[in-house]
């Protein structure tokens, strides 16, 4: 039974809602589709879109690691907390600020690191299962 992944999925869902609201809020200024050349709206759209592009796959990988039972809970929490931190940094940098390079850089770097680590752990578990 999944108990760790839902904790981070729930927290990330709330962040996704906040990013979604930021886009809708800016659309209230007259742009109903696309960004209409509005740079502020474009940043908010990309903050929201980037989240939607990476988070579902990493959560899926995390859930697969959790359901297998071989990954220690402390590692699952470390991966989940790092994902939450990464997406907070990136989401704030892209959707809430114009030039917060620290948040954008580290949010991206941590997200890519998580994609690599969770991908390799899942690959390792899949290969190990074939060898048994």
C-alpha atoms as a PDB file:
ATOM      1  CA  UNK A   1       0.000   0.000   0.000  1.00  0.00           C
ATOM      2  CA  UNK A   2       1.315   3.433  -0.897  1.00  0.00           C
ATOM      3  CA  UNK A   3       1.783   5.683   2.115  1.00  0.00           C
ATOM      4  CA  UNK A   4       4.756   7.901   1.248  1.00  0.00           C
ATOM      5  CA  UNK A   5       4.101   8.902  -2.371  1.00  0.00           C
ATOM      6  CA  UNK A   6       0.579  10.235  -1.611  1.00  0.00           C
ATOM      7  CA  UNK A   7       2.053  12.632   0.956  1.00  0.00           C
ATOM      8  CA  UNK A   8       4.238  14.294  -1.676  1.00  0.00           C
ATOM      9  CA  UNK A   9       1.650  13.965  -4.437  1.00  0.00           C
ATOM     10  CA  UNK A  10      -0.844  15.848  -2.261  1.00  0.00           C
ATOM     11  CA  UNK A  11       1.586  18.640  -1.437  1.00  0.00           C
ATOM     12  CA  UNK A  12       2.601  18.910  -5.102  1.00  0.00           C
ATOM     13  CA  UNK A  13      -1.071  19.008  -6.156  1.00  0.00           C
ATOM     14  CA  UNK A  14      -1.562  22.083  -3.963  1.00  0.00           C
ATOM     15  CA  UNK A  15       1.490  23.726  -5.544  1.00  0.00           C
ATOM     16  CA  UNK A  16       0.139  22.855  -9.006  1.00  0.00           C
ATOM     17  CA  UNK A  17      -3.170  24.480  -8.053  1.00  0.00           C
ATOM     18  CA  UNK A  18      -1.327  27.651  -6.999  1.00  0.00           C
ATOM     19  CA  UNK A  19       0.571  27.726 -10.300  1.00  0.00           C
ATOM     20  CA  UNK A  20      -2.689  27.123 -12.186  1.00  0.00           C
ATOM     21  CA  UNK A  21      -4.375  29.961 -10.337  1.00  0.00           C
ATOM     22  CA  UNK A  22      -1.513  32.300 -11.249  1.00  0.00           C
ATOM     23  CA  UNK A  23      -2.168  31.619 -14.953  1.00  0.00           C
ATOM     24  CA  UNK A  24      -5.938  32.068 -14.645  1.00  0.00           C
ATOM     25  CA  UNK A  25      -5.453  35.243 -12.591  1.00  0.00           C
ATOM     26  CA  UNK A  26      -3.277  36.801 -15.303  1.00  0.00           C
ATOM     27  CA  UNK A  27      -5.704  35.728 -18.044  1.00  0.00           C
ATOM     28  CA  UNK A  28      -8.238  38.016 -16.395  1.00  0.00           C
ATOM     29  CA  UNK A  29      -6.391  40.863 -18.093  1.00  0.00           C
ATOM     30  CA  UNK A  30      -7.846  40.019 -21.504  1.00  0.00           C
ATOM     31  CA  UNK A  31      -5.888  37.069 -22.953  1.00  0.00           C
ATOM     32  CA  UNK A  32      -8.046  33.943 -23.189  1.00  0.00           C
ATOM     33  CA  UNK A  33      -5.743  31.722 -25.279  1.00  0.00           C
ATOM     34  CA  UNK A  34      -1.973  31.610 -25.518  1.00  0.00           C
ATOM     35  CA  UNK A  35       0.097  34.374 -23.971  1.00  0.00           C
ATOM     36  CA  UNK A  36      -0.934  37.256 -26.256  1.00  0.00           C
ATOM     37  CA  UNK A  37       2.638  38.556 -26.131  1.00  0.00           C
ATOM     38  CA  UNK A  38       2.322  39.209 -22.404  1.00  0.00           C
ATOM     39  CA  UNK A  39       5.704  38.281 -20.875  1.00  0.00           C
ATOM     40  CA  UNK A  40       4.262  37.961 -17.374  1.00  0.00           C
ATOM     41  CA  UNK A  41       1.609  35.543 -18.600  1.00  0.00           C
ATOM     42  CA  UNK A  42       4.211  33.594 -20.577  1.00  0.00           C
ATOM     43  CA  UNK A  43       6.340  33.106 -17.435  1.00  0.00           C
ATOM     44  CA  UNK A  44       3.306  31.926 -15.485  1.00  0.00           C
ATOM     45  CA  UNK A  45       2.281  29.535 -18.287  1.00  0.00           C
ATOM     46  CA  UNK A  46       5.793  28.063 -18.440  1.00  0.00           C
ATOM     47  CA  UNK A  47       5.972  27.691 -14.654  1.00  0.00           C
ATOM     48  CA  UNK A  48       2.713  25.769 -14.760  1.00  0.00           C
ATOM     49  CA  UNK A  49       3.598  23.803 -17.892  1.00  0.00           C
ATOM     50  CA  UNK A  50       7.067  22.866 -16.730  1.00  0.00           C
ATOM     51  CA  UNK A  51       5.590  21.468 -13.529  1.00  0.00           C
ATOM     52  CA  UNK A  52       3.105  19.415 -15.562  1.00  0.00           C
ATOM     53  CA  UNK A  53       5.909  18.087 -17.767  1.00  0.00           C
ATOM     54  CA  UNK A  54       8.162  16.698 -15.023  1.00  0.00           C
ATOM     55  CA  UNK A  55       6.238  16.040 -11.822  1.00  0.00           C
ATOM     56  CA  UNK A  56       3.867  13.266 -13.020  1.00  0.00           C
ATOM     57  CA  UNK A  57       6.699  11.064 -14.322  1.00  0.00           C
ATOM     58  CA  UNK A  58       8.842  11.505 -11.219  1.00  0.00           C
ATOM     59  CA  UNK A  59       5.844  10.762  -8.958  1.00  0.00           C
ATOM     60  CA  UNK A  60       5.114   7.650 -11.014  1.00  0.00           C
ATOM     61  CA  UNK A  61       8.724   6.485 -10.650  1.00  0.00           C
ATOM     62  CA  UNK A  62       8.565   7.204  -6.911  1.00  0.00           C
ATOM     63  CA  UNK A  63       5.330   5.209  -6.584  1.00  0.00           C
ATOM     64  CA  UNK A  64       6.884   2.258  -8.440  1.00  0.00           C
ATOM     65  CA  UNK A  65       9.854   2.338  -6.098  1.00  0.00           C
ATOM     66  CA  UNK A  66       7.538   2.431  -3.099  1.00  0.00           C
ATOM     67  CA  UNK A  67       5.266  -0.412  -4.226  1.00  0.00           C
ATOM     68  CA  UNK A  68       8.211  -2.734  -4.748  1.00  0.00           C
ATOM     69  CA  UNK A  69       9.020  -2.544  -1.046  1.00  0.00           C
ATOM     70  CA  UNK A  70      12.799  -2.751  -1.518  1.00  0.00           C
ATOM     71  CA  UNK A  71      13.436   1.007  -1.340  1.00  0.00           C
ATOM     72  CA  UNK A  72      13.927   2.208   2.236  1.00  0.00           C
ATOM     73  CA  UNK A  73      11.311   4.677   3.481  1.00  0.00           C
ATOM     74  CA  UNK A  74      13.997   7.253   4.346  1.00  0.00           C
ATOM     75  CA  UNK A  75      15.126   7.261   0.697  1.00  0.00           C
ATOM     76  CA  UNK A  76      11.555   7.621  -0.571  1.00  0.00           C
ATOM     77  CA  UNK A  77      11.049  10.584   1.778  1.00  0.00           C
ATOM     78  CA  UNK A  78      14.347  12.112   0.652  1.00  0.00           C
ATOM     79  CA  UNK A  79      13.328  11.790  -2.997  1.00  0.00           C
ATOM     80  CA  UNK A  80       9.815  13.140  -2.356  1.00  0.00           C
ATOM     81  CA  UNK A  81      10.997  16.064  -0.233  1.00  0.00           C
ATOM     82  CA  UNK A  82      13.651  16.929  -2.813  1.00  0.00           C
ATOM     83  CA  UNK A  83      11.014  16.905  -5.549  1.00  0.00           C
ATOM     84  CA  UNK A  84       8.812  19.227  -3.518  1.00  0.00           C
ATOM     85  CA  UNK A  85      11.745  21.572  -2.840  1.00  0.00           C
ATOM     86  CA  UNK A  86      12.826  21.521  -6.492  1.00  0.00           C
ATOM     87  CA  UNK A  87       9.377  22.353  -7.782  1.00  0.00           C
ATOM     88  CA  UNK A  88       8.856  25.081  -5.164  1.00  0.00           C
ATOM     89  CA  UNK A  89      12.143  26.710  -6.172  1.00  0.00           C
ATOM     90  CA  UNK A  90      11.399  26.460  -9.871  1.00  0.00           C
ATOM     91  CA  UNK A  91       7.732  27.422  -9.591  1.00  0.00           C
ATOM     92  CA  UNK A  92       8.471  30.505  -7.516  1.00  0.00           C
ATOM     93  CA  UNK A  93      11.342  31.511  -9.802  1.00  0.00           C
ATOM     94  CA  UNK A  94       9.332  31.175 -12.993  1.00  0.00           C
ATOM     95  CA  UNK A  95       5.803  32.086 -11.955  1.00  0.00           C
ATOM     96  CA  UNK A  96       6.313  34.586  -9.142  1.00  0.00           C
ATOM     97  CA  UNK A  97       9.540  36.434 -10.014  1.00  0.00           C
ATOM     98  CA  UNK A  98      11.250  37.827 -13.067  1.00  0.00           C
ATOM     99  CA  UNK A  99      14.906  37.067 -12.379  1.00  0.00           C
ATOM    100  CA  UNK A 100      15.415  34.694  -9.457  1.00  0.00           C
ATOM    101  CA  UNK A 101      18.203  32.680 -11.076  1.00  0.00           C
ATOM    102  CA  UNK A 102      18.983  30.727  -7.893  1.00  0.00           C
ATOM    103  CA  UNK A 103      15.482  29.226  -7.767  1.00  0.00           C
ATOM    104  CA  UNK A 104      15.356  28.465 -11.442  1.00  0.00           C
ATOM    105  CA  UNK A 105      18.828  26.906 -11.560  1.00  0.00           C
ATOM    106  CA  UNK A 106      18.493  24.750  -8.443  1.00  0.00           C
ATOM    107  CA  UNK A 107      14.883  23.850  -9.170  1.00  0.00           C
ATOM    108  CA  UNK A 108      15.921  22.604 -12.601  1.00  0.00           C
ATOM    109  CA  UNK A 109      19.099  20.897 -11.391  1.00  0.00           C
ATOM    110  CA  UNK A 110      17.318  19.045  -8.589  1.00  0.00           C
ATOM    111  CA  UNK A 111      14.486  18.007 -10.913  1.00  0.00           C
ATOM    112  CA  UNK A 112      16.954  16.585 -13.448  1.00  0.00           C
ATOM    113  CA  UNK A 113      18.879  14.838 -10.666  1.00  0.00           C
ATOM    114  CA  UNK A 114      15.643  13.269  -9.390  1.00  0.00           C
ATOM    115  CA  UNK A 115      14.700  12.141 -12.879  1.00  0.00           C
ATOM    116  CA  UNK A 116      18.090  10.476 -13.224  1.00  0.00           C
ATOM    117  CA  UNK A 117      18.132   8.883  -9.751  1.00  0.00           C
ATOM    118  CA  UNK A 118      14.548   7.593  -9.790  1.00  0.00           C
ATOM    119  CA  UNK A 119      14.988   6.399 -13.375  1.00  0.00           C
ATOM    120  CA  UNK A 120      18.180   4.510 -12.518  1.00  0.00           C
ATOM    121  CA  UNK A 121      16.640   2.999  -9.376  1.00  0.00           C
ATOM    122  CA  UNK A 122      13.629   1.768 -11.360  1.00  0.00           C
ATOM    123  CA  UNK A 123      15.896   0.429 -14.109  1.00  0.00           C
ATOM    124  CA  UNK A 124      18.044  -1.359 -11.540  1.00  0.00           C
ATOM    125  CA  UNK A 125      14.959  -2.894  -9.889  1.00  0.00           C
ATOM    126  CA  UNK A 126      13.646  -4.032 -13.266  1.00  0.00           C
ATOM    127  CA  UNK A 127      16.947  -5.647 -14.252  1.00  0.00           C
ATOM    128  CA  UNK A 128      17.343  -7.241 -10.816  1.00  0.00           C
ATOM    129  CA  UNK A 129      13.878  -8.792 -11.134  1.00  0.00           C
ATOM    130  CA  UNK A 130      14.841 -10.332 -14.465  1.00  0.00           C
ATOM    131  CA  UNK A 131      17.965 -11.908 -12.990  1.00  0.00           C
ATOM    132  CA  UNK A 132      16.128 -13.698 -10.181  1.00  0.00           C
END
